[in-house]
Amino acid sequence: MRKKLMGALVPAVLAAAAIVPLTAGTAAADPACAEDVYGKKVYSGSQEGYQIDVTLNRCNRPTRAMAKCAALGGSGVNYGPSVVRGTSRTDFCARGSEMVDYGWQVYYGGKWNNRWMG
């Protein structure tokens, strides 16, 4: 009976986890400032970019998407426009390069703070 119960709960728990937003962690001194950020890769042919949708931003902190693109000659980071709520999308990585990391930044404490997800 115990195995049947666990077998039934595991898929339900995993399905529920799939719809949970990527919530940016907050500083311990600032727990009331929460952001709900949903991110996804976007494509144009074989080129990749990253897009975020900010649905909750209790402290109205500027937030922007970022994607790190790399090629043989080196790497660079593309940034999307800063938003408080709504959508921010990076430019696509240049042809011949690939996206090796992605996430978003939140502006507080006088600087941009990274939230790498990739």
PDB file of N, CA and C in Angstrom:
ATOM      1  N   MET A   1       0.826  -1.189   0.000  1.00  0.00           N
ATOM      2  CA  MET A   1       0.000   0.000   0.000  1.00  0.00           C
ATOM      3  C   MET A   1       0.870   1.252   0.000  1.00  0.00           C
ATOM      4  N   ARG A   2       1.941   1.215   0.780  1.00  0.00           N
ATOM      5  CA  ARG A   2       2.824   2.375   0.871  1.00  0.00           C
ATOM      6  C   ARG A   2       3.472   2.677  -0.482  1.00  0.00           C
ATOM      7  N   LYS A   3       3.898   1.642  -1.226  1.00  0.00           N
ATOM      8  CA  LYS A   3       4.517   1.836  -2.531  1.00  0.00           C
ATOM      9  C   LYS A   3       3.511   2.426  -3.518  1.00  0.00           C
ATOM     10  N   LYS A   4       2.261   1.983  -3.463  1.00  0.00           N
ATOM     11  CA  LYS A   4       1.242   2.525  -4.357  1.00  0.00           C
ATOM     12  C   LYS A   4       1.003   4.001  -4.069  1.00  0.00           C
ATOM     13  N   LEU A   5       0.968   4.361  -2.803  1.00  0.00           N
ATOM     14  CA  LEU A   5       0.747   5.757  -2.432  1.00  0.00           C
ATOM     15  C   LEU A   5       1.905   6.627  -2.908  1.00  0.00           C
ATOM     16  N   MET A   6       3.132   6.183  -2.677  1.00  0.00           N
ATOM     17  CA  MET A   6       4.298   6.945  -3.117  1.00  0.00           C
ATOM     18  C   MET A   6       4.329   7.022  -4.643  1.00  0.00           C
ATOM     19  N   GLY A   7       3.985   5.935  -5.320  1.00  0.00           N
ATOM     20  CA  GLY A   7       3.968   5.927  -6.778  1.00  0.00           C
ATOM     21  C   GLY A   7       2.956   6.913  -7.340  1.00  0.00           C
ATOM     22  N   ALA A   8       1.870   7.122  -6.627  1.00  0.00           N
ATOM     23  CA  ALA A   8       0.845   8.066  -7.081  1.00  0.00           C
ATOM     24  C   ALA A   8       1.239   9.507  -6.761  1.00  0.00           C
ATOM     25  N   LEU A   9       1.973   9.727  -5.682  1.00  0.00           N
ATOM     26  CA  LEU A   9       2.338  11.081  -5.283  1.00  0.00           C
ATOM     27  C   LEU A   9       3.492  11.659  -6.095  1.00  0.00           C
ATOM     28  N   VAL A  10       4.465  10.848  -6.473  1.00  0.00           N
ATOM     29  CA  VAL A  10       5.652  11.361  -7.161  1.00  0.00           C
ATOM     30  C   VAL A  10       5.296  12.082  -8.459  1.00  0.00           C
ATOM     31  N   PRO A  11       4.485  11.505  -9.379  1.00  0.00           N
ATOM     32  CA  PRO A  11       4.153  12.252 -10.594  1.00  0.00           C
ATOM     33  C   PRO A  11       3.391  13.543 -10.307  1.00  0.00           C
ATOM     34  N   ALA A  12       2.532  13.538  -9.308  1.00  0.00           N
ATOM     35  CA  ALA A  12       1.772  14.747  -8.976  1.00  0.00           C
ATOM     36  C   ALA A  12       2.694  15.841  -8.456  1.00  0.00           C
ATOM     37  N   VAL A  13       3.670  15.481  -7.634  1.00  0.00           N
ATOM     38  CA  VAL A  13       4.620  16.456  -7.096  1.00  0.00           C
ATOM     39  C   VAL A  13       5.495  17.002  -8.216  1.00  0.00           C
ATOM     40  N   LEU A  14       5.971  16.141  -9.114  1.00  0.00           N
ATOM     41  CA  LEU A  14       6.799  16.595 -10.222  1.00  0.00           C
ATOM     42  C   LEU A  14       6.016  17.498 -11.159  1.00  0.00           C
ATOM     43  N   ALA A  15       4.754  17.182 -11.416  1.00  0.00           N
ATOM     44  CA  ALA A  15       3.924  18.020 -12.285  1.00  0.00           C
ATOM     45  C   ALA A  15       3.710  19.387 -11.650  1.00  0.00           C
ATOM     46  N   ALA A  16       3.500  19.436 -10.353  1.00  0.00           N
ATOM     47  CA  ALA A  16       3.310  20.717  -9.669  1.00  0.00           C
ATOM     48  C   ALA A  16       4.586  21.543  -9.712  1.00  0.00           C
ATOM     49  N   ALA A  17       5.748  20.905  -9.618  1.00  0.00           N
ATOM     50  CA  ALA A  17       7.025  21.624  -9.644  1.00  0.00           C
ATOM     51  C   ALA A  17       7.281  22.244 -11.008  1.00  0.00           C
ATOM     52  N   ALA A  18       6.727  21.669 -12.071  1.00  0.00           N
ATOM     53  CA  ALA A  18       6.957  22.183 -13.417  1.00  0.00           C
ATOM     54  C   ALA A  18       6.322  23.541 -13.643  1.00  0.00           C
ATOM     55  N   ILE A  19       5.325  23.920 -12.858  1.00  0.00           N
ATOM     56  CA  ILE A  19       4.666  25.205 -13.078  1.00  0.00           C
ATOM     57  C   ILE A  19       5.065  26.258 -12.049  1.00  0.00           C
ATOM     58  N   VAL A  20       6.030  25.938 -11.206  1.00  0.00           N
ATOM     59  CA  VAL A  20       6.498  26.892 -10.214  1.00  0.00           C
ATOM     60  C   VAL A  20       7.448  27.869 -10.901  1.00  0.00           C
ATOM     61  N   PRO A  21       7.296  29.167 -10.684  1.00  0.00           N
ATOM     62  CA  PRO A  21       8.181  30.139 -11.336  1.00  0.00           C
ATOM     63  C   PRO A  21       9.594  30.071 -10.797  1.00  0.00           C
ATOM     64  N   LEU A  22      10.526  30.579 -11.580  1.00  0.00           N
ATOM     65  CA  LEU A  22      11.903  30.700 -11.141  1.00  0.00           C
ATOM     66  C   LEU A  22      11.962  31.937 -10.259  1.00  0.00           C
ATOM     67  N   THR A  23      11.875  31.750  -8.970  1.00  0.00           N
ATOM     68  CA  THR A  23      11.788  32.894  -8.060  1.00  0.00           C
ATOM     69  C   THR A  23      13.180  33.342  -7.670  1.00  0.00           C
ATOM     70  N   ALA A  24      13.441  34.613  -7.867  1.00  0.00           N
ATOM     71  CA  ALA A  24      14.740  35.164  -7.506  1.00  0.00           C
ATOM     72  C   ALA A  24      14.876  35.166  -6.001  1.00  0.00           C
ATOM     73  N   GLY A  25      16.017  34.721  -5.528  1.00  0.00           N
ATOM     74  CA  GLY A  25      16.261  34.753  -4.097  1.00  0.00           C
ATOM     75  C   GLY A  25      16.410  36.186  -3.618  1.00  0.00           C
ATOM     76  N   THR A  26      16.030  36.438  -2.414  1.00  0.00           N
ATOM     77  CA  THR A  26      16.134  37.786  -1.862  1.00  0.00           C
ATOM     78  C   THR A  26      17.142  37.795  -0.736  1.00  0.00           C
ATOM     79  N   ALA A  27      17.676  38.943  -0.457  1.00  0.00           N
ATOM     80  CA  ALA A  27      18.623  39.086   0.639  1.00  0.00           C
ATOM     81  C   ALA A  27      17.891  38.866   1.953  1.00  0.00           C
ATOM     82  N   ALA A  28      18.574  38.291   2.913  1.00  0.00           N
ATOM     83  CA  ALA A  28      17.949  38.003   4.208  1.00  0.00           C
ATOM     84  C   ALA A  28      17.426  39.274   4.866  1.00  0.00           C
ATOM     85  N   ALA A  29      18.077  40.403   4.608  1.00  0.00           N
ATOM     86  CA  ALA A  29      17.642  41.656   5.213  1.00  0.00           C
ATOM     87  C   ALA A  29      16.450  42.268   4.482  1.00  0.00           C
ATOM     88  N   ASP A  30      16.068  41.693   3.359  1.00  0.00           N
ATOM     89  CA  ASP A  30      15.019  42.268   2.520  1.00  0.00           C
ATOM     90  C   ASP A  30      14.036  41.187   2.058  1.00  0.00           C
ATOM     91  N   PRO A  31      13.421  40.433   2.975  1.00  0.00           N
ATOM     92  CA  PRO A  31      12.584  39.303   2.572  1.00  0.00           C
ATOM     93  C   PRO A  31      11.282  39.703   1.897  1.00  0.00           C
ATOM     94  N   ALA A  32      10.835  40.925   2.046  1.00  0.00           N
ATOM     95  CA  ALA A  32       9.557  41.328   1.449  1.00  0.00           C
ATOM     96  C   ALA A  32       9.673  41.587  -0.046  1.00  0.00           C
ATOM     97  N   CYS A  33      10.878  41.699  -0.578  1.00  0.00           N
ATOM     98  CA  CYS A  33      11.072  41.967  -2.003  1.00  0.00           C
ATOM     99  C   CYS A  33      11.198  40.641  -2.754  1.00  0.00           C
ATOM    100  N   ALA A  34      10.097  40.192  -3.311  1.00  0.00           N
ATOM    101  CA  ALA A  34      10.108  38.943  -4.056  1.00  0.00           C
ATOM    102  C   ALA A  34       9.815  39.231  -5.519  1.00  0.00           C
ATOM    103  N   GLU A  35      10.412  38.439  -6.402  1.00  0.00           N
ATOM    104  CA  GLU A  35      10.145  38.530  -7.827  1.00  0.00           C
ATOM    105  C   GLU A  35       9.785  37.143  -8.334  1.00  0.00           C
ATOM    106  N   ASP A  36       8.767  37.057  -9.173  1.00  0.00           N
ATOM    107  CA  ASP A  36       8.471  35.820  -9.880  1.00  0.00           C
ATOM    108  C   ASP A  36       8.889  36.039 -11.320  1.00  0.00           C
ATOM    109  N   VAL A  37       9.831  35.214 -11.769  1.00  0.00           N
ATOM    110  CA  VAL A  37      10.398  35.361 -13.102  1.00  0.00           C
ATOM    111  C   VAL A  37      10.273  34.023 -13.823  1.00  0.00           C
ATOM    112  N   TYR A  38       9.635  34.048 -14.990  1.00  0.00           N
ATOM    113  CA  TYR A  38       9.511  32.861 -15.833  1.00  0.00           C
ATOM    114  C   TYR A  38      10.452  33.032 -17.010  1.00  0.00           C
ATOM    115  N   GLY A  39      11.355  32.096 -17.213  1.00  0.00           N
ATOM    116  CA  GLY A  39      12.332  32.213 -18.293  1.00  0.00           C
ATOM    117  C   GLY A  39      12.230  31.093 -19.296  1.00  0.00           C
ATOM    118  N   LYS A  40      12.657  31.407 -20.536  1.00  0.00           N
ATOM    119  CA  LYS A  40      12.689  30.379 -21.575  1.00  0.00           C
ATOM    120  C   LYS A  40      13.671  30.787 -22.655  1.00  0.00           C
ATOM    121  N   LYS A  41      14.237  29.779 -23.325  1.00  0.00           N
ATOM    122  CA  LYS A  41      15.079  30.039 -24.486  1.00  0.00           C
ATOM    123  C   LYS A  41      14.171  30.371 -25.659  1.00  0.00           C
ATOM    124  N   VAL A  42      14.638  31.278 -26.513  1.00  0.00           N
ATOM    125  CA  VAL A  42      13.914  31.624 -27.732  1.00  0.00           C
ATOM    126  C   VAL A  42      14.867  31.434 -28.910  1.00  0.00           C
ATOM    127  N   TYR A  43      14.300  31.144 -30.075  1.00  0.00           N
ATOM    128  CA  TYR A  43      15.111  30.790 -31.237  1.00  0.00           C
ATOM    129  C   TYR A  43      14.717  31.598 -32.463  1.00  0.00           C
ATOM    130  N   SER A  44      15.717  31.834 -33.317  1.00  0.00           N
ATOM    131  CA  SER A  44      15.509  32.367 -34.655  1.00  0.00           C
ATOM    132  C   SER A  44      16.397  31.521 -35.548  1.00  0.00           C
ATOM    133  N   GLY A  45      15.805  30.506 -36.168  1.00  0.00           N
ATOM    134  CA  GLY A  45      16.610  29.527 -36.900  1.00  0.00           C
ATOM    135  C   GLY A  45      17.462  28.771 -35.907  1.00  0.00           C
ATOM    136  N   SER A  46      18.793  28.815 -36.112  1.00  0.00           N
ATOM    137  CA  SER A  46      19.700  28.119 -35.188  1.00  0.00           C
ATOM    138  C   SER A  46      20.249  29.050 -34.105  1.00  0.00           C
ATOM    139  N   GLN A  47      19.878  30.319 -34.146  1.00  0.00           N
ATOM    140  CA  GLN A  47      20.365  31.271 -33.151  1.00  0.00           C
ATOM    141  C   GLN A  47      19.494  31.228 -31.904  1.00  0.00           C
ATOM    142  N   GLU A  48      20.150  31.383 -30.731  1.00  0.00           N
ATOM    143  CA  GLU A  48      19.445  31.327 -29.455  1.00  0.00           C
ATOM    144  C   GLU A  48      19.467  32.678 -28.745  1.00  0.00           C
ATOM    145  N   GLY A  49      18.429  32.935 -27.974  1.00  0.00           N
ATOM    146  CA  GLY A  49      18.349  34.085 -27.085  1.00  0.00           C
ATOM    147  C   GLY A  49      17.623  33.633 -25.828  1.00  0.00           C
ATOM    148  N   TYR A  50      17.436  34.535 -24.874  1.00  0.00           N
ATOM    149  CA  TYR A  50      16.745  34.188 -23.642  1.00  0.00           C
ATOM    150  C   TYR A  50      15.717  35.266 -23.330  1.00  0.00           C
ATOM    151  N   GLN A  51      14.558  34.834 -22.883  1.00  0.00           N
ATOM    152  CA  GLN A  51      13.448  35.740 -22.581  1.00  0.00           C
ATOM    153  C   GLN A  51      12.929  35.472 -21.184  1.00  0.00           C
ATOM    154  N   ILE A  52      12.624  36.545 -20.462  1.00  0.00           N
ATOM    155  CA  ILE A  52      11.998  36.396 -19.148  1.00  0.00           C
ATOM    156  C   ILE A  52      10.684  37.169 -19.128  1.00  0.00           C
ATOM    157  N   ASP A  53       9.767  36.684 -18.322  1.00  0.00           N
ATOM    158  CA  ASP A  53       8.520  37.391 -18.037  1.00  0.00           C
ATOM    159  C   ASP A  53       8.466  37.610 -16.536  1.00  0.00           C
ATOM    160  N   VAL A  54       8.422  38.860 -16.120  1.00  0.00           N
ATOM    161  CA  VAL A  54       8.359  39.219 -14.699  1.00  0.00           C
ATOM    162  C   VAL A  54       6.893  39.443 -14.358  1.00  0.00           C
ATOM    163  N   THR A  55       6.342  38.583 -13.501  1.00  0.00           N
ATOM    164  CA  THR A  55       4.916  38.677 -13.169  1.00  0.00           C
ATOM    165  C   THR A  55       4.668  39.257 -11.785  1.00  0.00           C
ATOM    166  N   LEU A  56       5.634  39.156 -10.899  1.00  0.00           N
ATOM    167  CA  LEU A  56       5.512  39.718  -9.552  1.00  0.00           C
ATOM    168  C   LEU A  56       6.822  40.389  -9.225  1.00  0.00           C
ATOM    169  N   ASN A  57       6.759  41.620  -8.765  1.00  0.00           N
ATOM    170  CA  ASN A  57       7.966  42.363  -8.426  1.00  0.00           C
ATOM    171  C   ASN A  57       7.580  43.328  -7.317  1.00  0.00           C
ATOM    172  N   ARG A  58       7.568  42.842  -6.093  1.00  0.00           N
ATOM    173  CA  ARG A  58       7.021  43.608  -4.965  1.00  0.00           C
ATOM    174  C   ARG A  58       7.724  44.932  -4.710  1.00  0.00           C
ATOM    175  N   CYS A  59       8.999  45.019  -5.005  1.00  0.00           N
ATOM    176  CA  CYS A  59       9.727  46.261  -4.740  1.00  0.00           C
ATOM    177  C   CYS A  59      10.019  47.037  -6.021  1.00  0.00           C
ATOM    178  N   ASN A  60       9.423  46.630  -7.130  1.00  0.00           N
ATOM    179  CA  ASN A  60       9.596  47.317  -8.416  1.00  0.00           C
ATOM    180  C   ASN A  60      11.066  47.509  -8.789  1.00  0.00           C
ATOM    181  N   ARG A  61      11.842  46.461  -8.607  1.00  0.00           N
ATOM    182  CA  ARG A  61      13.256  46.525  -8.953  1.00  0.00           C
ATOM    183  C   ARG A  61      13.432  46.278 -10.455  1.00  0.00           C
ATOM    184  N   PRO A  62      14.292  47.054 -11.112  1.00  0.00           N
ATOM    185  CA  PRO A  62      14.567  46.791 -12.523  1.00  0.00           C
ATOM    186  C   PRO A  62      15.137  45.382 -12.695  1.00  0.00           C
ATOM    187  N   THR A  63      14.657  44.684 -13.708  1.00  0.00           N
ATOM    188  CA  THR A  63      15.057  43.306 -13.975  1.00  0.00           C
ATOM    189  C   THR A  63      15.281  43.171 -15.474  1.00  0.00           C
ATOM    190  N   ARG A  64      16.314  42.423 -15.888  1.00  0.00           N
ATOM    191  CA  ARG A  64      16.569  42.245 -17.316  1.00  0.00           C
ATOM    192  C   ARG A  64      17.128  40.855 -17.593  1.00  0.00           C
ATOM    193  N   ALA A  65      16.801  40.344 -18.771  1.00  0.00           N
ATOM    194  CA  ALA A  65      17.303  39.037 -19.206  1.00  0.00           C
ATOM    195  C   ALA A  65      18.777  39.167 -19.597  1.00  0.00           C
ATOM    196  N   MET A  66      19.501  38.063 -19.504  1.00  0.00           N
ATOM    197  CA  MET A  66      20.887  38.047 -19.971  1.00  0.00           C
ATOM    198  C   MET A  66      21.215  36.671 -20.532  1.00  0.00           C
ATOM    199  N   ALA A  67      22.070  36.649 -21.543  1.00  0.00           N
ATOM    200  CA  ALA A  67      22.513  35.407 -22.178  1.00  0.00           C
ATOM    201  C   ALA A  67      23.999  35.526 -22.469  1.00  0.00           C
ATOM    202  N   LYS A  68      24.765  34.527 -22.048  1.00  0.00           N
ATOM    203  CA  LYS A  68      26.196  34.509 -22.322  1.00  0.00           C
ATOM    204  C   LYS A  68      26.422  33.685 -23.585  1.00  0.00           C
ATOM    205  N   CYS A  69      27.011  34.312 -24.588  1.00  0.00           N
ATOM    206  CA  CYS A  69      27.266  33.666 -25.872  1.00  0.00           C
ATOM    207  C   CYS A  69      28.767  33.455 -26.013  1.00  0.00           C
ATOM    208  N   ALA A  70      29.168  32.292 -26.535  1.00  0.00           N
ATOM    209  CA  ALA A  70      30.586  31.976 -26.675  1.00  0.00           C
ATOM    210  C   ALA A  70      30.885  31.447 -28.072  1.00  0.00           C
ATOM    211  N   ALA A  71      32.072  31.770 -28.538  1.00  0.00           N
ATOM    212  CA  ALA A  71      32.594  31.280 -29.815  1.00  0.00           C
ATOM    213  C   ALA A  71      34.093  31.041 -29.618  1.00  0.00           C
ATOM    214  N   LEU A  72      34.782  30.637 -30.664  1.00  0.00           N
ATOM    215  CA  LEU A  72      36.212  30.358 -30.543  1.00  0.00           C
ATOM    216  C   LEU A  72      37.012  31.571 -30.085  1.00  0.00           C
ATOM    217  N   GLY A  73      36.613  32.771 -30.481  1.00  0.00           N
ATOM    218  CA  GLY A  73      37.356  33.975 -30.139  1.00  0.00           C
ATOM    219  C   GLY A  73      37.088  34.507 -28.740  1.00  0.00           C
ATOM    220  N   GLY A  74      36.133  33.962 -28.038  1.00  0.00           N
ATOM    221  CA  GLY A  74      35.826  34.444 -26.696  1.00  0.00           C
ATOM    222  C   GLY A  74      34.333  34.408 -26.423  1.00  0.00           C
ATOM    223  N   SER A  75      33.908  35.174 -25.434  1.00  0.00           N
ATOM    224  CA  SER A  75      32.497  35.178 -25.064  1.00  0.00           C
ATOM    225  C   SER A  75      32.062  36.589 -24.694  1.00  0.00           C
ATOM    226  N   GLY A  76      30.768  36.781 -24.640  1.00  0.00           N
ATOM    227  CA  GLY A  76      30.198  38.054 -24.244  1.00  0.00           C
ATOM    228  C   GLY A  76      28.795  37.832 -23.718  1.00  0.00           C
ATOM    229  N   VAL A  77      28.248  38.836 -23.053  1.00  0.00           N
ATOM    230  CA  VAL A  77      26.913  38.721 -22.488  1.00  0.00           C
ATOM    231  C   VAL A  77      25.983  39.705 -23.188  1.00  0.00           C
ATOM    232  N   ASN A  78      24.847  39.201 -23.645  1.00  0.00           N
ATOM    233  CA  ASN A  78      23.795  40.036 -24.213  1.00  0.00           C
ATOM    234  C   ASN A  78      22.775  40.319 -23.117  1.00  0.00           C
ATOM    235  N   TYR A  79      22.284  41.565 -23.056  1.00  0.00           N
ATOM    236  CA  TYR A  79      21.282  41.948 -22.069  1.00  0.00           C
ATOM    237  C   TYR A  79      20.015  42.405 -22.772  1.00  0.00           C
ATOM    238  N   GLY A  80      18.879  42.085 -22.181  1.00  0.00           N
ATOM    239  CA  GLY A  80      17.611  42.598 -22.659  1.00  0.00           C
ATOM    240  C   GLY A  80      17.321  43.929 -21.997  1.00  0.00           C
ATOM    241  N   PRO A  81      16.244  44.581 -22.405  1.00  0.00           N
ATOM    242  CA  PRO A  81      15.888  45.840 -21.771  1.00  0.00           C
ATOM    243  C   PRO A  81      15.441  45.631 -20.327  1.00  0.00           C
ATOM    244  N   SER A  82      15.624  46.651 -19.519  1.00  0.00           N
ATOM    245  CA  SER A  82      15.229  46.615 -18.111  1.00  0.00           C
ATOM    246  C   SER A  82      13.715  46.800 -18.001  1.00  0.00           C
ATOM    247  N   VAL A  83      13.069  45.932 -17.208  1.00  0.00           N
ATOM    248  CA  VAL A  83      11.623  46.031 -16.970  1.00  0.00           C
ATOM    249  C   VAL A  83      11.347  45.873 -15.480  1.00  0.00           C
ATOM    250  N   VAL A  84      10.222  46.406 -15.032  1.00  0.00           N
ATOM    251  CA  VAL A  84       9.755  46.181 -13.667  1.00  0.00           C
ATOM    252  C   VAL A  84       8.742  45.042 -13.680  1.00  0.00           C
ATOM    253  N   ARG A  85       7.879  45.038 -14.691  1.00  0.00           N
ATOM    254  CA  ARG A  85       6.947  43.941 -14.974  1.00  0.00           C
ATOM    255  C   ARG A  85       6.887  43.797 -16.476  1.00  0.00           C
ATOM    256  N   GLY A  86       6.627  42.599 -16.935  1.00  0.00           N
ATOM    257  CA  GLY A  86       6.514  42.384 -18.371  1.00  0.00           C
ATOM    258  C   GLY A  86       7.644  41.532 -18.895  1.00  0.00           C
ATOM    259  N   THR A  87       8.003  41.743 -20.166  1.00  0.00           N
ATOM    260  CA  THR A  87       8.934  40.862 -20.868  1.00  0.00           C
ATOM    261  C   THR A  87      10.241  41.565 -21.202  1.00  0.00           C
ATOM    262  N   SER A  88      11.342  40.866 -21.005  1.00  0.00           N
ATOM    263  CA  SER A  88      12.670  41.316 -21.411  1.00  0.00           C
ATOM    264  C   SER A  88      13.305  40.174 -22.191  1.00  0.00           C
ATOM    265  N   ARG A  89      13.817  40.474 -23.394  1.00  0.00           N
ATOM    266  CA  ARG A  89      14.434  39.435 -24.220  1.00  0.00           C
ATOM    267  C   ARG A  89      15.778  39.930 -24.733  1.00  0.00           C
ATOM    268  N   THR A  90      16.772  39.056 -24.684  1.00  0.00           N
ATOM    269  CA  THR A  90      18.102  39.403 -25.188  1.00  0.00           C
ATOM    270  C   THR A  90      18.104  39.348 -26.708  1.00  0.00           C
ATOM    271  N   ASP A  91      19.139  39.960 -27.315  1.00  0.00           N
ATOM    272  CA  ASP A  91      19.397  39.744 -28.734  1.00  0.00           C
ATOM    273  C   ASP A  91      19.825  38.290 -28.898  1.00  0.00           C
ATOM    274  N   PHE A  92      19.710  37.777 -30.108  1.00  0.00           N
ATOM    275  CA  PHE A  92      20.142  36.405 -30.369  1.00  0.00           C
ATOM    276  C   PHE A  92      21.663  36.361 -30.425  1.00  0.00           C
ATOM    277  N   CYS A  93      22.240  35.232 -30.000  1.00  0.00           N
ATOM    278  CA  CYS A  93      23.685  35.056 -30.114  1.00  0.00           C
ATOM    279  C   CYS A  93      24.058  35.118 -31.598  1.00  0.00           C
ATOM    280  N   ALA A  94      25.229  35.676 -31.876  1.00  0.00           N
ATOM    281  CA  ALA A  94      25.682  35.821 -33.259  1.00  0.00           C
ATOM    282  C   ALA A  94      25.866  34.449 -33.912  1.00  0.00           C
ATOM    283  N   ARG A  95      25.742  34.435 -35.227  1.00  0.00           N
ATOM    284  CA  ARG A  95      25.991  33.179 -35.954  1.00  0.00           C
ATOM    285  C   ARG A  95      27.406  32.693 -35.637  1.00  0.00           C
ATOM    286  N   GLY A  96      27.538  31.400 -35.459  1.00  0.00           N
ATOM    287  CA  GLY A  96      28.836  30.823 -35.133  1.00  0.00           C
ATOM    288  C   GLY A  96      29.131  30.790 -33.642  1.00  0.00           C
ATOM    289  N   SER A  97      28.234  31.343 -32.836  1.00  0.00           N
ATOM    290  CA  SER A  97      28.414  31.268 -31.382  1.00  0.00           C
ATOM    291  C   SER A  97      27.218  30.533 -30.797  1.00  0.00           C
ATOM    292  N   GLU A  98      27.342  30.148 -29.554  1.00  0.00           N
ATOM    293  CA  GLU A  98      26.234  29.453 -28.897  1.00  0.00           C
ATOM    294  C   GLU A  98      26.012  30.023 -27.504  1.00  0.00           C
ATOM    295  N   MET A  99      24.789  29.900 -27.035  1.00  0.00           N
ATOM    296  CA  MET A  99      24.455  30.367 -25.697  1.00  0.00           C
ATOM    297  C   MET A  99      24.932  29.311 -24.700  1.00  0.00           C
ATOM    298  N   VAL A 100      25.828  29.710 -23.801  1.00  0.00           N
ATOM    299  CA  VAL A 100      26.402  28.770 -22.840  1.00  0.00           C
ATOM    300  C   VAL A 100      25.865  28.978 -21.427  1.00  0.00           C
ATOM    301  N   ASP A 101      25.207  30.103 -21.186  1.00  0.00           N
ATOM    302  CA  ASP A 101      24.611  30.369 -19.883  1.00  0.00           C
ATOM    303  C   ASP A 101      23.522  31.417 -20.058  1.00  0.00           C
ATOM    304  N   TYR A 102      22.562  31.442 -19.171  1.00  0.00           N
ATOM    305  CA  TYR A 102      21.449  32.391 -19.287  1.00  0.00           C
ATOM    306  C   TYR A 102      20.822  32.600 -17.922  1.00  0.00           C
ATOM    307  N   GLY A 103      20.077  33.677 -17.800  1.00  0.00           N
ATOM    308  CA  GLY A 103      19.420  34.010 -16.545  1.00  0.00           C
ATOM    309  C   GLY A 103      18.911  35.434 -16.601  1.00  0.00           C
ATOM    310  N   TRP A 104      18.947  36.113 -15.460  1.00  0.00           N
ATOM    311  CA  TRP A 104      18.498  37.502 -15.425  1.00  0.00           C
ATOM    312  C   TRP A 104      19.262  38.248 -14.347  1.00  0.00           C
ATOM    313  N   GLN A 105      19.134  39.558 -14.367  1.00  0.00           N
ATOM    314  CA  GLN A 105      19.743  40.412 -13.367  1.00  0.00           C
ATOM    315  C   GLN A 105      18.663  41.254 -12.698  1.00  0.00           C
ATOM    316  N   VAL A 106      18.861  41.520 -11.413  1.00  0.00           N
ATOM    317  CA  VAL A 106      17.968  42.379 -10.649  1.00  0.00           C
ATOM    318  C   VAL A 106      18.831  43.512 -10.081  1.00  0.00           C
ATOM    319  N   TYR A 107      18.358  44.753 -10.230  1.00  0.00           N
ATOM    320  CA  TYR A 107      19.119  45.905  -9.752  1.00  0.00           C
ATOM    321  C   TYR A 107      18.692  46.284  -8.339  1.00  0.00           C
ATOM    322  N   TYR A 108      19.610  46.162  -7.406  1.00  0.00           N
ATOM    323  CA  TYR A 108      19.405  46.637  -6.037  1.00  0.00           C
ATOM    324  C   TYR A 108      20.758  46.775  -5.364  1.00  0.00           C
ATOM    325  N   GLY A 109      20.800  47.553  -4.316  1.00  0.00           N
ATOM    326  CA  GLY A 109      22.058  47.773  -3.604  1.00  0.00           C
ATOM    327  C   GLY A 109      23.071  48.526  -4.457  1.00  0.00           C
ATOM    328  N   GLY A 110      22.606  49.298  -5.447  1.00  0.00           N
ATOM    329  CA  GLY A 110      23.506  50.077  -6.287  1.00  0.00           C
ATOM    330  C   GLY A 110      24.210  49.306  -7.372  1.00  0.00           C
ATOM    331  N   LYS A 111      23.789  48.052  -7.641  1.00  0.00           N
ATOM    332  CA  LYS A 111      24.452  47.269  -8.692  1.00  0.00           C
ATOM    333  C   LYS A 111      23.496  46.214  -9.248  1.00  0.00           C
ATOM    334  N   TRP A 112      23.845  45.667 -10.410  1.00  0.00           N
ATOM    335  CA  TRP A 112      23.099  44.565 -11.029  1.00  0.00           C
ATOM    336  C   TRP A 112      23.556  43.261 -10.383  1.00  0.00           C
ATOM    337  N   ASN A 113      22.599  42.446  -9.929  1.00  0.00           N
ATOM    338  CA  ASN A 113      22.876  41.167  -9.261  1.00  0.00           C
ATOM    339  C   ASN A 113      22.424  40.031 -10.162  1.00  0.00           C
ATOM    340  N   ASN A 114      23.357  39.120 -10.466  1.00  0.00           N
ATOM    341  CA  ASN A 114      23.112  38.020 -11.406  1.00  0.00           C
ATOM    342  C   ASN A 114      22.302  36.892 -10.783  1.00  0.00           C
ATOM    343  N   ARG A 115      21.452  36.294 -11.619  1.00  0.00           N
ATOM    344  CA  ARG A 115      20.712  35.070 -11.290  1.00  0.00           C
ATOM    345  C   ARG A 115      20.907  34.122 -12.476  1.00  0.00           C
ATOM    346  N   TRP A 116      22.045  33.420 -12.502  1.00  0.00           N
ATOM    347  CA  TRP A 116      22.329  32.502 -13.610  1.00  0.00           C
ATOM    348  C   TRP A 116      21.494  31.238 -13.457  1.00  0.00           C
ATOM    349  N   MET A 117      20.881  30.798 -14.540  1.00  0.00           N
ATOM    350  CA  MET A 117      20.030  29.611 -14.496  1.00  0.00           C
ATOM    351  C   MET A 117      20.563  28.473 -15.359  1.00  0.00           C
ATOM    352  N   GLY A 118      21.374  28.764 -16.357  1.00  0.00           N
ATOM    353  CA  GLY A 118      21.805  27.764 -17.347  1.00  0.00           C
ATOM    354  C   GLY A 118      22.986  26.976 -16.972  1.00  0.00           C
TER     355      GLY A 118
END
